[in-house]
Protein backbone atom coordinates (compact mmCIF):
# COMPACT_ATOMS: atom_id res chain seq x y z
CA MET A 1 122.80 136.10 92.22
CA LYS A 2 122.23 140.00 93.15
CA ARG A 3 122.09 142.26 89.99
CA ARG A 4 124.97 144.47 91.34
CA THR A 5 127.25 141.16 91.22
CA VAL A 6 126.17 140.47 87.97
CA ALA A 7 127.52 144.11 86.79
CA ALA A 8 130.62 144.22 88.58
CA PHE A 9 131.20 140.73 86.96
CA ALA A 10 130.37 141.35 83.38
CA ALA A 11 132.44 144.57 83.65
CA LEU A 12 135.50 142.92 84.85
CA SER A 13 135.08 140.75 81.58
CA LEU A 14 135.24 142.95 79.29
CA ILE A 15 138.44 144.80 81.12
CA ALA A 16 139.80 141.08 80.91
CA ALA A 17 139.14 140.69 77.03
CA VAL A 18 140.16 144.05 76.53
CA LEU A 19 143.33 143.73 77.52
CA ALA A 20 144.06 140.43 75.98
CA ALA A 21 143.11 141.87 73.02
CA GLY A 22 145.71 145.53 73.89
CA SER A 23 148.35 143.36 74.86
CA VAL A 24 148.06 140.86 71.66
CA ALA A 25 148.38 143.80 69.78
CA TYR A 26 151.07 145.55 71.89
CA ARG A 27 153.25 142.53 72.00
CA VAL A 28 152.47 141.69 67.98
CA LEU A 29 153.60 145.81 67.16
CA ARG A 30 156.60 146.06 69.34
CA ALA A 31 158.31 142.63 67.53
CA GLU A 32 157.62 144.56 63.86
CA GLU A 33 159.13 147.52 65.11
CA ARG A 34 162.11 145.51 66.33
CA GLY A 35 161.88 143.44 63.31
CA LYS A 36 162.29 146.57 60.85
CA ARG A 37 164.75 148.07 62.99
CA ALA A 38 167.04 144.34 62.33
CA ALA A 39 166.36 144.34 58.81
CA SER A 40 167.33 148.15 58.74
CA THR A 41 171.07 147.39 60.62
CA ASP A 42 171.72 144.20 58.75
CA PHE A 43 171.08 145.84 55.18
CA GLN A 44 173.66 148.38 56.55
CA LEU A 45 176.42 145.51 56.68
CA LEU A 46 174.98 144.47 53.16
CA LEU A 47 175.53 147.57 51.67
CA SER A 48 179.38 147.21 53.06
CA GLU A 49 179.93 143.58 51.88
CA LEU A 50 179.22 145.82 48.66
CA SER A 51 181.39 148.47 49.24
CA GLY A 52 184.12 147.19 47.02
CA VAL A 53 182.14 146.42 43.91
CA ARG A 54 183.00 149.42 41.14
CA SER A 55 181.45 147.39 38.83
CA SER A 56 179.11 144.31 37.44
CA ALA A 57 182.54 143.06 36.77
CA ASP A 58 183.24 142.67 39.96
CA LEU A 59 180.20 140.46 41.16
CA ALA A 60 181.54 137.68 39.29
CA GLU A 61 184.62 137.06 42.22
CA ALA A 62 184.40 134.11 43.94
CA PRO A 63 185.40 135.68 47.46
CA LEU A 64 182.51 138.11 47.12
CA ARG A 65 180.03 136.22 46.15
CA ALA A 66 180.90 133.58 49.20
CA ARG A 67 180.84 136.16 51.40
CA LEU A 68 177.11 137.69 50.40
CA ALA A 69 176.27 134.03 50.14
CA ALA A 70 177.51 133.24 54.14
CA HIS A 71 175.85 136.73 54.88
CA TYR A 72 172.34 135.38 53.37
CA ARG A 73 172.63 132.10 55.86
CA ALA A 74 173.46 134.14 58.70
CA CYS A 75 170.20 135.98 58.34
CA PRO A 76 167.28 133.63 59.07
CA SER A 77 165.02 137.66 58.18
CA LEU A 78 167.10 137.91 55.02
CA LEU A 79 164.48 137.04 52.20
CA LEU A 80 165.80 137.59 49.15
CA VAL A 81 169.32 140.27 47.34
CA ALA A 82 169.52 141.54 43.90
CA ILE A 83 171.72 143.53 42.68
CA TYR A 84 170.55 145.71 39.90
CA GLU A 85 172.95 148.15 36.36
CA ARG A 86 169.89 150.74 35.47
CA GLY A 87 169.84 149.61 31.76
CA SER A 88 171.03 146.08 31.78
CA GLY A 89 168.85 144.55 34.26
CA LEU A 90 169.45 142.07 36.71
CA ARG A 91 173.43 141.27 37.43
CA TRP A 92 172.98 138.84 40.68
CA ARG A 93 170.84 137.36 42.71
CA ILE A 94 170.39 134.87 45.75
CA PRO A 95 168.48 132.62 46.08
CA ASP A 96 168.41 131.53 42.38
CA ARG A 97 164.82 130.84 42.86
CA SER A 98 163.02 132.35 45.11
CA ASP A 99 158.81 132.05 46.27
CA TYR A 100 159.07 135.87 46.70
CA LEU A 101 159.14 135.82 42.77
CA PRO A 102 156.51 134.65 40.70
CA ALA A 103 157.32 132.55 37.43
CA SER A 104 156.40 135.39 35.47
CA GLU A 105 158.77 138.02 37.45
CA ASP A 106 161.38 135.63 37.53
CA ARG A 107 162.27 135.57 33.85
CA GLU A 108 161.94 139.58 33.60
CA ALA A 109 165.20 142.00 33.42
CA PHE A 110 163.99 143.70 36.82
CA PRO A 111 161.73 141.50 38.40
CA SER A 112 159.22 142.79 41.15
CA PRO A 113 159.06 140.66 44.40
CA THR A 114 155.10 139.63 45.58
CA TYR A 115 155.44 139.59 49.35
CA PRO A 116 153.07 140.78 52.80
CA GLU A 117 153.72 144.41 53.26
CA ARG A 118 152.45 144.13 56.70
CA SER A 119 155.23 141.45 57.70
CA SER A 120 157.98 142.43 54.82
CA LEU A 121 160.32 145.35 53.82
CA LEU A 122 161.77 145.95 50.58
CA ILE A 123 164.89 147.96 51.28
CA SER A 124 166.58 149.28 48.20
CA ALA A 125 170.03 151.68 47.33
CA PRO A 126 172.80 152.37 45.32
CA LEU A 127 176.15 150.96 45.29
CA LYS A 128 178.86 153.54 47.14
CA GLY A 129 181.41 151.75 44.63
CA ASP A 130 180.14 152.51 41.53
CA PRO A 131 181.03 155.70 40.47
CA THR A 132 178.84 156.07 37.52
CA GLY A 133 175.71 155.48 40.00
CA ARG A 134 174.13 152.67 37.97
CA LEU A 135 174.24 149.48 40.13
CA ALA A 136 171.68 149.03 42.82
CA VAL A 137 170.98 145.99 45.27
CA ASP A 138 167.38 145.58 46.72
CA ALA A 139 167.11 143.12 49.72
CA LEU A 140 164.17 141.72 51.26
CA TYR A 141 163.36 140.97 55.31
CA SER A 142 161.23 139.24 57.04
CA THR A 143 159.17 142.16 59.78
CA LEU A 144 157.11 139.31 61.86
CA ASP A 145 157.49 136.00 61.86
CA GLN A 146 154.19 133.82 62.38
CA SER A 147 155.70 131.99 65.76
CA THR A 148 155.81 136.03 67.22
CA VAL A 149 152.35 136.06 66.43
CA PHE A 150 151.43 133.49 67.55
CA ALA A 151 152.82 133.14 70.90
CA ALA A 152 151.04 137.05 71.59
CA PHE A 153 147.24 134.97 70.52
CA ARG A 154 148.04 132.02 72.86
CA ASP A 155 149.71 133.95 75.86
CA ALA A 156 146.08 135.96 76.14
CA LEU A 157 144.09 133.33 75.18
CA LEU A 158 146.04 131.28 78.32
CA ALA A 159 145.56 134.56 80.90
CA LEU A 160 141.74 134.93 79.51
CA ALA A 161 141.59 130.85 80.39
CA ALA A 162 143.05 131.65 83.71
CA TYR A 163 140.57 134.41 84.58
CA LEU A 164 137.35 132.31 83.25
CA ALA A 165 138.30 129.15 85.00
CA ALA A 166 138.84 131.61 88.81
CA ALA A 167 135.79 133.31 88.17
CA ALA A 168 133.58 130.66 87.77
CA ALA A 169 135.49 129.37 90.71
CA LEU A 170 134.87 132.15 92.41
CA LEU A 171 130.81 132.28 90.98
CA ALA A 172 130.66 128.84 92.69
CA ALA A 173 131.93 129.28 95.90
CA LEU A 174 129.19 132.99 96.12
CA ALA A 175 126.65 131.21 95.07
CA ALA A 176 127.24 128.21 97.32
CA ALA A 177 127.80 130.87 100.17
CA SER A 178 124.44 132.26 99.63
CA ARG A 179 122.71 128.87 99.27
CA GLY A 180 124.03 128.42 102.95
CA ARG A 181 122.97 131.45 104.42
CA VAL A 182 118.97 130.82 103.05
CA ASP A 183 119.74 127.41 104.43
CA SER A 184 120.87 128.48 107.72
CA SER A 185 118.11 131.65 107.74
CA TRP A 186 115.40 129.42 108.64
CA SER A 187 114.48 125.79 109.47
CA SER A 188 112.49 125.06 106.32
CA GLY A 189 114.99 126.59 103.58
CA ALA A 190 113.91 128.94 100.77
CA PRO A 191 114.91 128.15 97.08
CA ALA A 192 118.72 129.93 96.58
CA GLN A 193 117.49 131.71 93.54
CA GLY A 194 117.28 135.17 95.28
CA GLY A 195 117.55 138.27 93.06
CA SER A 196 116.97 138.15 89.03
CA GLY A 197 120.46 138.14 86.94
CA GLY A 198 119.17 140.94 85.06
CA GLU A 199 116.50 142.40 83.21
CA PRO A 200 113.74 139.76 82.02
CA GLY A 201 112.97 139.67 78.10
CA PRO A 202 109.38 139.83 77.10
CA SER A 203 106.46 137.70 78.65
CA PRO A 204 104.09 135.74 76.40
CA TYR A 205 102.10 135.92 79.45
CA ALA A 206 102.32 139.20 80.96
CA PRO A 207 104.92 142.21 79.99
CA PRO A 208 107.61 142.36 83.00
CA GLU A 209 107.07 146.00 82.61
CA GLU A 210 103.16 146.17 83.42
CA ASP A 211 102.24 147.85 86.70
CA PHE A 212 98.86 147.87 87.13
CA SER A 213 95.87 149.44 89.15
CA VAL A 214 94.01 146.91 91.37
CA PRO A 215 90.72 147.65 90.98
CA GLU A 216 89.56 145.48 94.14
CA MET A 217 92.16 147.30 96.41
CA GLY A 218 92.09 150.52 94.67
CA SER A 219 94.36 152.85 95.95
CA PHE A 220 96.33 153.61 98.92
CA GLU A 221 94.79 156.75 99.28
CA ALA A 222 91.68 155.12 98.94
CA GLU A 223 92.12 152.67 101.60
CA ALA A 224 92.61 155.43 104.75
CA ASN A 225 90.02 154.22 106.55
CA GLU A 226 90.96 150.77 106.74
CA ALA A 227 93.70 149.35 107.86
CA PRO A 228 95.88 146.29 106.16
CA ALA A 229 94.81 142.66 107.23
CA THR A 230 97.04 141.23 109.98
CA VAL A 231 97.16 138.12 111.11
CA LYS A 232 94.74 139.57 114.18
CA ASP A 233 92.34 140.05 111.89
CA GLN A 234 91.75 136.70 110.58
CA PRO A 235 88.52 134.34 112.13
CA PRO A 236 89.05 132.42 113.80
CA LEU A 237 89.42 128.63 113.00
CA PRO A 238 86.00 126.78 113.58
CA GLU A 239 86.19 123.80 116.35
CA GLU A 240 85.05 121.44 113.16
CA GLY A 241 87.77 122.45 111.29
CA ALA A 242 90.14 122.16 113.86
CA ARG A 243 89.22 118.73 114.47
CA GLU A 244 89.48 118.00 110.69
CA ARG A 245 93.10 118.82 111.07
CA GLY A 246 93.73 116.74 114.40
CA GLY A 247 95.12 113.50 114.42
CA ASP A 248 96.77 111.86 111.67
CA ALA A 249 96.43 114.87 109.15
CA GLY A 250 98.67 116.69 110.98
CA LEU A 251 99.75 120.25 108.97
CA TYR A 252 99.08 118.92 105.89
CA SER A 253 95.31 118.55 103.84
CA PRO A 254 95.32 114.67 103.07
CA ALA A 255 93.30 116.23 99.87
CA SER A 256 97.08 118.01 98.39
CA GLY A 257 99.25 116.50 100.59
CA LEU A 258 99.63 120.68 100.95
CA GLY A 259 99.53 123.35 103.81
CA TRP A 260 96.04 124.09 104.98
CA GLU A 261 94.89 127.53 104.36
CA SER A 262 94.28 128.63 107.49
CA TYR A 263 98.20 128.29 107.99
CA GLN A 264 99.18 129.84 105.08
CA ALA A 265 98.78 133.81 106.99
CA GLU A 266 100.91 132.69 109.90
CA ARG A 267 103.65 130.90 107.95
CA LEU A 268 103.46 134.13 105.09
CA ASP A 269 103.85 136.86 108.42
CA ALA A 270 106.97 134.39 110.02
CA GLU A 271 109.01 134.34 106.06
CA LEU A 272 108.14 137.92 105.48
CA ALA A 273 109.38 139.38 108.86
CA ARG A 274 112.37 136.67 108.04
CA SER A 275 112.84 138.30 104.71
CA ALA A 276 113.26 141.93 106.04
CA SER A 277 115.19 141.39 108.55
CA PHE A 278 117.63 140.10 106.01
CA GLU A 279 116.77 142.70 103.62
CA GLN A 280 115.87 139.97 100.63
CA ASP A 281 112.58 140.16 98.28
CA LEU A 282 109.46 137.17 98.74
CA SER A 283 107.06 136.68 96.33
CA LEU A 284 103.41 135.44 97.06
CA LEU A 285 102.41 133.20 93.99
CA ALA A 286 98.16 132.84 94.15
CA LEU A 287 96.88 129.71 91.06
CA SER A 288 93.37 129.25 90.46
CA TYR A 289 92.74 126.09 88.18
CA ASP A 290 88.88 126.95 87.14
CA GLY A 291 86.47 123.75 87.21
CA ILE A 292 87.86 121.56 89.37
CA ASP A 293 87.28 120.37 93.60
CA ARG A 294 89.43 119.17 95.39
CA GLY A 295 88.34 115.22 94.85
CA SER A 296 88.89 115.44 91.20
CA PRO A 297 92.25 114.03 89.46
CA ALA A 298 93.44 117.39 88.35
CA TYR A 299 93.26 118.91 91.52
CA ALA A 300 95.73 116.10 93.11
CA ALA A 301 98.09 116.04 89.69
CA THR A 302 98.24 120.16 90.25
CA ALA A 303 98.82 119.89 94.37
CA LYS A 304 101.48 117.17 93.18
CA ALA A 305 102.80 119.17 90.15
CA ILE A 306 103.94 122.03 92.71
CA VAL A 307 105.68 120.45 95.25
CA ASP A 308 107.57 118.64 93.06
CA PHE A 309 108.46 121.79 91.39
CA PHE A 310 108.70 124.20 94.03
CA THR A 311 110.16 121.79 96.03
CA PHE A 312 109.37 122.58 99.61
CA ARG A 313 106.16 121.76 100.88
CA ASP A 314 105.97 123.39 103.87
CA LEU A 315 105.70 126.61 102.14
CA ALA A 316 103.39 125.65 99.69
CA PHE A 317 98.84 126.05 100.58
CA GLU A 318 95.50 125.24 99.72
CA ARG A 319 92.65 128.17 99.00
CA GLY A 320 89.79 127.74 98.12
CA GLU A 321 88.07 124.25 96.67
CA GLU A 322 90.12 125.47 92.64
CA GLY A 323 92.92 127.02 94.46
CA PHE A 324 96.53 127.44 95.96
CA THR A 325 98.96 129.72 96.91
CA VAL A 326 103.38 129.49 96.77
CA ILE A 327 105.45 131.31 99.47
CA LEU A 328 108.51 131.90 97.29
CA SER A 329 111.69 133.24 99.64
CA ASN A 330 114.08 134.58 98.25
CA LEU A 331 112.57 135.84 94.91
CA ASP A 332 111.80 138.99 93.23
CA ILE A 333 109.15 139.81 91.49
CA ASP A 334 110.93 139.26 88.36
CA ALA A 335 112.65 135.70 88.89
CA ALA A 336 109.23 134.80 90.05
CA LEU A 337 107.67 135.47 86.98
CA ARG A 338 109.94 133.37 85.42
CA MET A 339 109.62 130.48 87.96
CA ALA A 340 105.92 131.27 87.25
CA GLU A 341 105.80 130.72 83.22
CA GLU A 342 108.06 127.33 83.42
CA PHE A 343 105.68 126.17 86.11
CA PHE A 344 102.83 127.00 83.57
CA LYS A 345 104.31 124.99 81.16
CA LYS A 346 105.09 122.00 82.78
CA LEU A 347 101.59 121.73 84.52
CA THR A 348 100.35 122.53 80.50
CA PHE A 349 102.48 119.11 79.73
CA LEU A 350 101.30 117.25 82.92
CA LEU A 351 97.43 117.83 83.31
CA ARG A 352 96.96 116.99 79.17
CA ASP A 353 94.98 113.74 79.81
CA TYR A 354 92.71 116.00 82.00
CA ARG A 355 91.14 117.71 79.31
CA ARG A 356 88.74 116.66 76.59
CA ASP A 357 90.59 119.02 74.08
CA PRO A 358 94.41 118.91 74.57
CA LEU A 359 94.50 121.98 72.32
CA GLU A 360 92.51 123.94 75.08
CA ALA A 361 94.17 126.57 76.58
CA LEU A 362 94.35 125.05 80.40
CA PRO A 363 92.69 127.49 82.67
CA VAL A 364 94.54 127.68 85.22
CA PHE A 365 95.81 131.20 85.87
CA ILE A 366 98.44 133.27 87.95
CA GLY A 367 98.83 136.17 90.28
CA LEU A 368 102.14 137.52 91.62
CA SER A 369 103.03 139.65 94.26
CA SER A 370 106.43 140.54 96.28
CA ARG A 371 107.21 142.46 99.10
CA ALA A 372 109.77 144.64 97.33
CA GLY A 373 111.25 146.55 99.65
CA ARG A 374 108.19 146.91 101.82
CA LEU A 375 107.30 146.24 105.09
CA VAL A 376 104.23 144.90 104.42
CA ASP A 377 102.05 142.27 106.37
CA SER A 378 100.61 138.55 104.73
CA GLY A 379 96.90 140.42 104.31
CA ARG A 380 98.46 143.15 102.08
CA ILE A 381 100.42 141.06 100.01
CA THR A 382 97.43 138.35 99.59
CA GLN A 383 95.57 140.65 98.53
CA GLU A 384 97.68 141.84 95.76
CA ALA A 385 98.25 138.29 95.05
CA ILE A 386 95.01 137.53 94.08
CA ALA A 387 93.76 140.87 92.18
CA ALA A 388 96.78 140.05 90.05
CA LEU A 389 95.14 136.44 90.10
CA GLN A 390 91.90 138.66 88.74
CA LYS A 391 93.19 140.57 86.43
CA ALA A 392 94.86 137.50 84.84
CA ARG A 393 91.08 136.03 84.54
CA GLU A 394 89.54 138.94 83.30
CA ASP A 395 92.13 139.09 80.22
CA CYS A 396 91.56 136.55 77.48
CA ASP A 397 95.00 135.84 76.84
CA THR A 398 97.29 136.23 79.82
CA HIS A 399 97.77 133.53 82.16
CA ILE A 400 100.02 134.97 84.30
CA ILE A 401 99.70 138.44 85.87
CA ALA A 402 102.44 139.99 88.39
CA PHE A 403 101.33 142.97 90.54
CA ARG A 404 104.48 145.13 91.03
CA PRO A 405 103.90 147.85 94.01
CA ASP A 406 105.90 151.16 94.10
CA ALA A 407 107.66 151.22 97.50
CA ASP A 408 108.01 154.80 97.64
CA LYS A 409 104.55 155.34 97.29
CA TYR A 410 103.79 152.64 99.48
CA ARG A 411 105.66 154.56 102.52
CA LEU A 412 104.16 157.88 101.76
CA TYR A 413 101.20 155.87 102.34
CA LEU A 414 102.38 154.90 105.60
CA SER A 415 103.46 158.61 106.75
CA SER A 416 100.73 159.62 105.87
CA LYS A 417 98.87 157.19 108.54
CA GLY A 418 101.38 158.31 111.07
CA CYS A 419 103.20 154.75 110.65
């Protein structure tokens, strides 16, 4: 998946999460505000019911108490009503027992209710009919119930789930379309793993940010008198080698089951041309297993591991007596580096029985290079990958090195040559 697509998906996901959280906060705050307004309105009705009370003795009248009890039952958000007389204490309360009055407070003359301040509201006012001004009423209301908060979170989570399902379906469709374009672009096909999904983490073999200068190649200026190698510059095939590749051997070497070394440049040039026409990247992997030859079991096991891991046998070739090259179509250098690391781990496990000391490091070294937006030929990218391989061999601890070409410097070099 392209880096731009990943960035867009991450930004869209962040926006969806923020909108979901915002919707929850908005609905909860709106519900709380409505609850406070409803509590204030109901409290005014309660004061109207108590407008005829002139003294504490009036609270003993049965019709008044019946009206107050009916008012309490008709308002679900009304949690507690208490009428006090200054200097004397509690005169009347409904309900008689409340969860908002602890047992220690229930015995006090002026009990203090305990309630969650965020979702409850306590309103107090003197009784208007009392000429002495000693009677007052307290009313505790619930301004935000649990069902409202649950509904807000539920709807937000359902919306996020729908977004994630739609995003997963869209990403699957994009991945399928990308595989279809790659498969139809070349009869041999290529791995549908193009692009890197982000910046890779530190590599145990070669830091991703490493951009070394290759001693064997020198700088672009030092090669001013040398034209890059092309397919036409390759030496002609000897007749004996041609006869060896004829007959039943076909396109693949019987020693490894991979392509002949002499076919690698021609196929690499074709893949480079195809990648340039589709504006895709391409990487080349050069591998060397020190100390083996084509007749050894380790050589055959390494070749089989290459076919099993990289899938496409017609993109893998022999190189010398102890090496191989693999064309990684539609992969940039970061993705190719990660794939090489995974292959090295797998190869280390598969070849443990071919070493005298399994604890010793496997004498396998890998060099990588990529097209990186340049118009290059097979000779150039092969030289870069082999130079990276030599640098990996020279380093005591590093088994994999990725050569990172600078496309701008390369274009300046070509322009200086009049290309």
